[in-house]
Amino acid sequence: MKNKKGFTLIELLIVISIIGVLALMGLRVYGNQQEKAKNAIVKANVGTAQTLIQAELADRNINTRDEAVDIAKAAGLHNPFNGVAMNIEGWFPESADVPGEIQITLSTGTFSIQGYGADGLLPDILTAKR
């Protein structure tokens, strides 16, 4: 009787199935990590806008929301969801509804800055006031 070497078809199919299941699990985790990273970039953009507005408030008086938006537009921020530069008026609305947008509002002398993530408005609201 000859000595058979190698794997049977069943053994190969089982190994391929296990590799497929592991790959699917890895892709699911990878997709969630990308979304978390993009939300983190939105939070960083919000922090940058808040820091710039607060620094400008220390130097001079900002009385309108439009002035704060102009300061934020000059920061050179990019939307992590589509890579577009955030240097136009539409990226800083009073009510954000697109992932990556940053909303800036002014109420009783306090600027509120909040980002819109993959699943809606992020819970962190940063403020800047004189």
N, C-alpha and C. Protein backbone atom coordinates (compact mmCIF):
# COMPACT_ATOMS: atom_id res chain seq x y z
N MET A 1 0.83 -1.17 0.00
CA MET A 1 0.00 0.00 0.00
C MET A 1 0.88 1.24 0.00
N LYS A 2 0.50 2.21 -0.82
CA LYS A 2 1.29 3.43 -0.93
C LYS A 2 0.97 4.37 0.22
N ASN A 3 1.97 5.13 0.59
CA ASN A 3 1.81 6.13 1.65
C ASN A 3 1.25 7.39 1.02
N LYS A 4 0.03 7.82 1.40
CA LYS A 4 -0.59 9.00 0.81
C LYS A 4 -0.14 10.24 1.57
N LYS A 5 0.25 11.24 0.80
CA LYS A 5 0.66 12.50 1.39
C LYS A 5 -0.29 13.59 0.93
N GLY A 6 -0.47 14.64 1.76
CA GLY A 6 -1.32 15.75 1.38
C GLY A 6 -2.61 15.78 2.18
N PHE A 7 -3.47 16.72 1.80
CA PHE A 7 -4.72 16.94 2.52
C PHE A 7 -5.89 16.45 1.69
N THR A 8 -6.93 16.05 2.37
CA THR A 8 -8.14 15.65 1.65
C THR A 8 -8.93 16.91 1.27
N LEU A 9 -9.87 16.73 0.39
CA LEU A 9 -10.69 17.85 -0.06
C LEU A 9 -11.49 18.44 1.10
N ILE A 10 -12.00 17.62 1.96
CA ILE A 10 -12.77 18.08 3.12
C ILE A 10 -11.90 18.95 4.03
N GLU A 11 -10.69 18.51 4.29
CA GLU A 11 -9.78 19.29 5.15
C GLU A 11 -9.50 20.66 4.54
N LEU A 12 -9.27 20.70 3.24
CA LEU A 12 -9.02 21.98 2.57
C LEU A 12 -10.23 22.90 2.64
N LEU A 13 -11.43 22.35 2.43
CA LEU A 13 -12.65 23.16 2.49
C LEU A 13 -12.87 23.73 3.89
N ILE A 14 -12.58 22.94 4.91
CA ILE A 14 -12.74 23.42 6.29
C ILE A 14 -11.77 24.57 6.57
N VAL A 15 -10.53 24.42 6.15
CA VAL A 15 -9.53 25.47 6.36
C VAL A 15 -9.93 26.74 5.62
N ILE A 16 -10.37 26.62 4.38
CA ILE A 16 -10.79 27.79 3.61
C ILE A 16 -11.99 28.47 4.25
N SER A 17 -12.93 27.68 4.76
CA SER A 17 -14.10 28.25 5.45
C SER A 17 -13.69 29.02 6.69
N ILE A 18 -12.78 28.47 7.47
CA ILE A 18 -12.30 29.16 8.68
C ILE A 18 -11.61 30.46 8.31
N ILE A 19 -10.78 30.45 7.29
CA ILE A 19 -10.09 31.67 6.84
C ILE A 19 -11.11 32.71 6.38
N GLY A 20 -12.15 32.28 5.67
CA GLY A 20 -13.19 33.20 5.22
C GLY A 20 -13.92 33.86 6.38
N VAL A 21 -14.27 33.08 7.39
CA VAL A 21 -14.96 33.62 8.57
C VAL A 21 -14.07 34.63 9.29
N LEU A 22 -12.80 34.30 9.46
CA LEU A 22 -11.87 35.22 10.12
C LEU A 22 -11.70 36.51 9.32
N ALA A 23 -11.65 36.40 8.00
CA ALA A 23 -11.52 37.59 7.16
C ALA A 23 -12.74 38.49 7.29
N LEU A 24 -13.93 37.91 7.31
CA LEU A 24 -15.15 38.71 7.48
C LEU A 24 -15.18 39.42 8.82
N MET A 25 -14.75 38.73 9.86
CA MET A 25 -14.70 39.36 11.19
C MET A 25 -13.70 40.52 11.19
N GLY A 26 -12.57 40.33 10.54
CA GLY A 26 -11.56 41.38 10.47
C GLY A 26 -12.06 42.59 9.70
N LEU A 27 -12.78 42.38 8.61
CA LEU A 27 -13.32 43.50 7.83
C LEU A 27 -14.35 44.29 8.62
N ARG A 28 -15.17 43.60 9.38
CA ARG A 28 -16.18 44.28 10.18
C ARG A 28 -15.51 45.18 11.23
N VAL A 29 -14.49 44.66 11.89
CA VAL A 29 -13.76 45.45 12.90
C VAL A 29 -13.05 46.61 12.23
N TYR A 30 -12.44 46.37 11.07
CA TYR A 30 -11.72 47.42 10.35
C TYR A 30 -12.66 48.55 9.95
N GLY A 31 -13.85 48.22 9.48
CA GLY A 31 -14.82 49.25 9.09
C GLY A 31 -15.22 50.13 10.27
N ASN A 32 -15.43 49.53 11.43
CA ASN A 32 -15.78 50.31 12.62
C ASN A 32 -14.63 51.21 13.04
N GLN A 33 -13.41 50.75 12.88
CA GLN A 33 -12.26 51.56 13.27
C GLN A 33 -12.12 52.77 12.36
N GLN A 34 -12.42 52.62 11.08
CA GLN A 34 -12.36 53.76 10.16
C GLN A 34 -13.37 54.82 10.58
N GLU A 35 -14.57 54.40 10.93
CA GLU A 35 -15.60 55.35 11.34
C GLU A 35 -15.19 56.07 12.63
N LYS A 36 -14.63 55.34 13.57
CA LYS A 36 -14.16 55.95 14.81
C LYS A 36 -13.05 56.96 14.54
N ALA A 37 -12.15 56.63 13.62
CA ALA A 37 -11.06 57.54 13.28
C ALA A 37 -11.59 58.82 12.64
N LYS A 38 -12.57 58.70 11.77
CA LYS A 38 -13.15 59.89 11.14
C LYS A 38 -13.86 60.76 12.16
N ASN A 39 -14.58 60.13 13.09
CA ASN A 39 -15.22 60.90 14.16
C ASN A 39 -14.17 61.61 15.02
N ALA A 40 -13.04 60.96 15.26
CA ALA A 40 -11.97 61.59 16.03
C ALA A 40 -11.40 62.80 15.30
N ILE A 41 -11.32 62.73 13.98
CA ILE A 41 -10.83 63.87 13.20
C ILE A 41 -11.83 65.02 13.28
N VAL A 42 -13.13 64.70 13.23
CA VAL A 42 -14.14 65.75 13.38
C VAL A 42 -13.99 66.43 14.74
N LYS A 43 -13.78 65.63 15.79
CA LYS A 43 -13.58 66.21 17.13
C LYS A 43 -12.34 67.10 17.16
N ALA A 44 -11.28 66.66 16.50
CA ALA A 44 -10.06 67.48 16.44
C ALA A 44 -10.32 68.78 15.68
N ASN A 45 -11.09 68.71 14.59
CA ASN A 45 -11.43 69.92 13.84
C ASN A 45 -12.24 70.88 14.70
N VAL A 46 -13.17 70.34 15.49
CA VAL A 46 -13.97 71.18 16.40
C VAL A 46 -13.04 71.85 17.40
N GLY A 47 -12.10 71.10 17.95
CA GLY A 47 -11.16 71.66 18.91
C GLY A 47 -10.29 72.74 18.30
N THR A 48 -9.87 72.54 17.07
CA THR A 48 -9.06 73.55 16.38
C THR A 48 -9.87 74.83 16.17
N ALA A 49 -11.10 74.68 15.69
CA ALA A 49 -11.96 75.85 15.47
C ALA A 49 -12.20 76.59 16.78
N GLN A 50 -12.46 75.85 17.85
CA GLN A 50 -12.71 76.48 19.16
C GLN A 50 -11.48 77.22 19.65
N THR A 51 -10.30 76.62 19.51
CA THR A 51 -9.06 77.26 19.95
C THR A 51 -8.80 78.54 19.17
N LEU A 52 -9.01 78.50 17.86
CA LEU A 52 -8.78 79.70 17.04
C LEU A 52 -9.76 80.82 17.38
N ILE A 53 -11.02 80.46 17.57
CA ILE A 53 -12.03 81.47 17.92
C ILE A 53 -11.73 82.06 19.29
N GLN A 54 -11.36 81.20 20.24
CA GLN A 54 -11.04 81.68 21.59
C GLN A 54 -9.81 82.59 21.56
N ALA A 55 -8.79 82.24 20.78
CA ALA A 55 -7.60 83.07 20.68
C ALA A 55 -7.93 84.43 20.06
N GLU A 56 -8.79 84.41 19.06
CA GLU A 56 -9.19 85.67 18.42
C GLU A 56 -10.00 86.53 19.39
N LEU A 57 -10.83 85.90 20.20
CA LEU A 57 -11.60 86.64 21.21
C LEU A 57 -10.69 87.30 22.24
N ALA A 58 -9.55 86.70 22.50
CA ALA A 58 -8.60 87.30 23.45
C ALA A 58 -7.97 88.55 22.88
N ASP A 59 -7.84 88.59 21.55
CA ASP A 59 -7.20 89.75 20.90
C ASP A 59 -8.18 90.86 20.55
N ARG A 60 -9.38 90.47 20.15
CA ARG A 60 -10.35 91.49 19.73
C ARG A 60 -11.76 90.99 20.01
N ASN A 61 -12.70 91.85 19.83
CA ASN A 61 -14.09 91.50 20.09
C ASN A 61 -14.74 90.95 18.82
N ILE A 62 -15.26 89.76 18.89
CA ILE A 62 -15.99 89.16 17.78
C ILE A 62 -17.46 89.22 18.14
N ASN A 63 -18.24 89.90 17.32
CA ASN A 63 -19.64 90.14 17.65
C ASN A 63 -20.63 89.30 16.85
N THR A 64 -20.18 88.71 15.75
CA THR A 64 -21.12 87.98 14.90
C THR A 64 -20.63 86.55 14.66
N ARG A 65 -21.59 85.71 14.33
CA ARG A 65 -21.28 84.33 13.99
C ARG A 65 -20.44 84.28 12.72
N ASP A 66 -20.72 85.17 11.76
CA ASP A 66 -19.97 85.19 10.50
C ASP A 66 -18.48 85.43 10.72
N GLU A 67 -18.14 86.27 11.69
CA GLU A 67 -16.72 86.51 11.99
C GLU A 67 -16.07 85.23 12.50
N ALA A 68 -16.77 84.50 13.35
CA ALA A 68 -16.24 83.23 13.87
C ALA A 68 -16.10 82.21 12.75
N VAL A 69 -17.05 82.18 11.84
CA VAL A 69 -16.98 81.25 10.70
C VAL A 69 -15.78 81.59 9.83
N ASP A 70 -15.52 82.87 9.59
CA ASP A 70 -14.36 83.28 8.79
C ASP A 70 -13.06 82.81 9.44
N ILE A 71 -12.99 82.88 10.75
CA ILE A 71 -11.80 82.42 11.47
C ILE A 71 -11.64 80.91 11.28
N ALA A 72 -12.72 80.17 11.41
CA ALA A 72 -12.67 78.71 11.26
C ALA A 72 -12.34 78.31 9.82
N LYS A 73 -12.87 79.05 8.84
CA LYS A 73 -12.59 78.74 7.43
C LYS A 73 -11.11 78.89 7.12
N ALA A 74 -10.44 79.83 7.78
CA ALA A 74 -9.03 80.09 7.51
C ALA A 74 -8.11 79.04 8.14
N ALA A 75 -8.66 78.11 8.90
CA ALA A 75 -7.84 77.13 9.62
C ALA A 75 -7.27 76.03 8.74
N GLY A 76 -7.78 75.86 7.54
CA GLY A 76 -7.28 74.82 6.64
C GLY A 76 -7.74 73.41 7.01
N LEU A 77 -8.93 73.30 7.59
CA LEU A 77 -9.46 72.00 8.00
C LEU A 77 -10.00 71.23 6.79
N HIS A 78 -10.03 69.91 6.92
CA HIS A 78 -10.58 69.05 5.87
C HIS A 78 -11.63 68.12 6.48
N ASN A 79 -12.67 67.86 5.70
CA ASN A 79 -13.71 66.93 6.12
C ASN A 79 -13.17 65.50 5.95
N PRO A 80 -13.10 64.71 7.03
CA PRO A 80 -12.55 63.36 6.91
C PRO A 80 -13.44 62.38 6.15
N PHE A 81 -14.70 62.71 5.96
CA PHE A 81 -15.61 61.80 5.28
C PHE A 81 -15.53 61.90 3.77
N ASN A 82 -15.13 63.07 3.25
CA ASN A 82 -15.02 63.20 1.79
C ASN A 82 -13.73 63.89 1.34
N GLY A 83 -12.90 64.33 2.27
CA GLY A 83 -11.62 64.93 1.93
C GLY A 83 -11.68 66.35 1.42
N VAL A 84 -12.85 66.96 1.42
CA VAL A 84 -13.01 68.31 0.89
C VAL A 84 -12.52 69.34 1.91
N ALA A 85 -11.84 70.36 1.41
CA ALA A 85 -11.37 71.43 2.29
C ALA A 85 -12.57 72.19 2.84
N MET A 86 -12.51 72.50 4.12
CA MET A 86 -13.63 73.18 4.79
C MET A 86 -13.38 74.69 4.81
N ASN A 87 -13.27 75.27 3.63
CA ASN A 87 -12.99 76.70 3.56
C ASN A 87 -14.11 77.48 2.87
N ILE A 88 -15.30 76.90 2.85
CA ILE A 88 -16.44 77.59 2.27
C ILE A 88 -17.54 77.72 3.31
N GLU A 89 -18.43 78.61 3.10
CA GLU A 89 -19.49 78.93 4.07
C GLU A 89 -20.30 77.71 4.49
N GLY A 90 -20.60 76.83 3.56
CA GLY A 90 -21.48 75.71 3.84
C GLY A 90 -20.97 74.72 4.87
N TRP A 91 -19.68 74.72 5.15
CA TRP A 91 -19.13 73.74 6.09
C TRP A 91 -19.32 74.14 7.54
N PHE A 92 -19.77 75.33 7.80
CA PHE A 92 -19.95 75.79 9.17
C PHE A 92 -21.37 76.33 9.37
N PRO A 93 -22.38 75.46 9.18
CA PRO A 93 -23.77 75.93 9.29
C PRO A 93 -24.19 76.11 10.75
N GLU A 94 -25.35 76.73 10.94
CA GLU A 94 -25.89 76.85 12.29
C GLU A 94 -26.53 75.54 12.73
N SER A 95 -26.86 74.69 11.78
CA SER A 95 -27.45 73.39 12.11
C SER A 95 -26.85 72.34 11.18
N ALA A 96 -25.86 71.59 11.66
CA ALA A 96 -25.15 70.62 10.83
C ALA A 96 -26.01 69.39 10.59
N ASP A 97 -25.91 68.85 9.35
CA ASP A 97 -26.64 67.62 9.03
C ASP A 97 -25.88 66.72 8.07
N VAL A 98 -24.61 67.03 7.81
CA VAL A 98 -23.78 66.23 6.92
C VAL A 98 -22.54 65.77 7.70
N PRO A 99 -22.18 64.48 7.63
CA PRO A 99 -20.99 64.03 8.35
C PRO A 99 -19.76 64.86 8.01
N GLY A 100 -19.07 65.30 9.05
CA GLY A 100 -17.87 66.10 8.89
C GLY A 100 -18.08 67.58 9.08
N GLU A 101 -19.33 68.04 9.00
CA GLU A 101 -19.61 69.46 9.19
C GLU A 101 -19.37 69.88 10.63
N ILE A 102 -19.08 71.14 10.81
CA ILE A 102 -18.95 71.72 12.15
C ILE A 102 -19.95 72.85 12.24
N GLN A 103 -20.82 72.77 13.23
CA GLN A 103 -21.80 73.86 13.38
C GLN A 103 -21.28 74.85 14.42
N ILE A 104 -21.44 76.12 14.09
CA ILE A 104 -21.05 77.20 14.99
C ILE A 104 -22.28 78.05 15.24
N THR A 105 -22.61 78.22 16.50
CA THR A 105 -23.75 79.06 16.87
C THR A 105 -23.29 80.11 17.87
N LEU A 106 -24.03 81.21 17.92
CA LEU A 106 -23.74 82.30 18.86
C LEU A 106 -25.00 82.58 19.66
N SER A 107 -24.87 82.53 20.98
CA SER A 107 -25.99 82.82 21.86
C SER A 107 -25.48 83.53 23.10
N THR A 108 -26.00 84.69 23.35
CA THR A 108 -25.64 85.53 24.51
C THR A 108 -24.13 85.65 24.72
N GLY A 109 -23.43 85.95 23.64
CA GLY A 109 -22.00 86.19 23.73
C GLY A 109 -21.12 84.96 23.79
N THR A 110 -21.71 83.77 23.68
CA THR A 110 -20.95 82.53 23.73
C THR A 110 -21.08 81.78 22.41
N PHE A 111 -19.95 81.44 21.83
CA PHE A 111 -19.93 80.63 20.62
C PHE A 111 -19.93 79.16 21.02
N SER A 112 -20.82 78.38 20.43
CA SER A 112 -20.85 76.93 20.64
C SER A 112 -20.41 76.26 19.35
N ILE A 113 -19.47 75.34 19.47
CA ILE A 113 -18.92 74.65 18.31
C ILE A 113 -19.13 73.16 18.51
N GLN A 114 -19.79 72.51 17.53
CA GLN A 114 -20.11 71.09 17.64
C GLN A 114 -19.94 70.42 16.29
N GLY A 115 -19.41 69.21 16.29
CA GLY A 115 -19.20 68.47 15.05
C GLY A 115 -20.31 67.49 14.76
N TYR A 116 -20.45 67.15 13.48
CA TYR A 116 -21.43 66.16 13.04
C TYR A 116 -20.65 64.94 12.57
N GLY A 117 -20.80 63.82 13.28
CA GLY A 117 -20.06 62.61 12.96
C GLY A 117 -20.83 61.70 12.02
N ALA A 118 -20.39 60.46 11.96
CA ALA A 118 -21.00 59.48 11.06
C ALA A 118 -22.45 59.20 11.41
N ASP A 119 -22.79 59.26 12.69
CA ASP A 119 -24.15 58.91 13.13
C ASP A 119 -24.93 60.10 13.67
N GLY A 120 -24.51 61.30 13.38
CA GLY A 120 -25.22 62.48 13.87
C GLY A 120 -24.30 63.39 14.66
N LEU A 121 -24.91 64.34 15.35
CA LEU A 121 -24.13 65.30 16.12
C LEU A 121 -23.34 64.58 17.21
N LEU A 122 -22.08 64.95 17.34
CA LEU A 122 -21.25 64.38 18.39
C LEU A 122 -21.62 65.03 19.72
N PRO A 123 -21.49 64.31 20.81
CA PRO A 123 -21.96 64.84 22.10
C PRO A 123 -21.12 65.99 22.65
N ASP A 124 -19.90 66.13 22.21
CA ASP A 124 -19.03 67.18 22.75
C ASP A 124 -19.38 68.53 22.14
N ILE A 125 -19.69 69.50 22.99
CA ILE A 125 -19.93 70.87 22.55
C ILE A 125 -18.87 71.74 23.21
N LEU A 126 -18.04 72.36 22.39
CA LEU A 126 -17.01 73.26 22.91
C LEU A 126 -17.52 74.69 22.82
N THR A 127 -17.10 75.51 23.74
CA THR A 127 -17.56 76.90 23.75
C THR A 127 -16.36 77.84 23.75
N ALA A 128 -16.61 79.03 23.25
CA ALA A 128 -15.61 80.10 23.27
C ALA A 128 -16.34 81.38 23.65
N LYS A 129 -15.80 82.05 24.65
CA LYS A 129 -16.41 83.33 25.04
C LYS A 129 -15.33 84.24 25.60
N ARG A 130 -15.64 85.50 25.61
CA ARG A 130 -14.70 86.52 26.09
C ARG A 130 -14.57 86.46 27.57
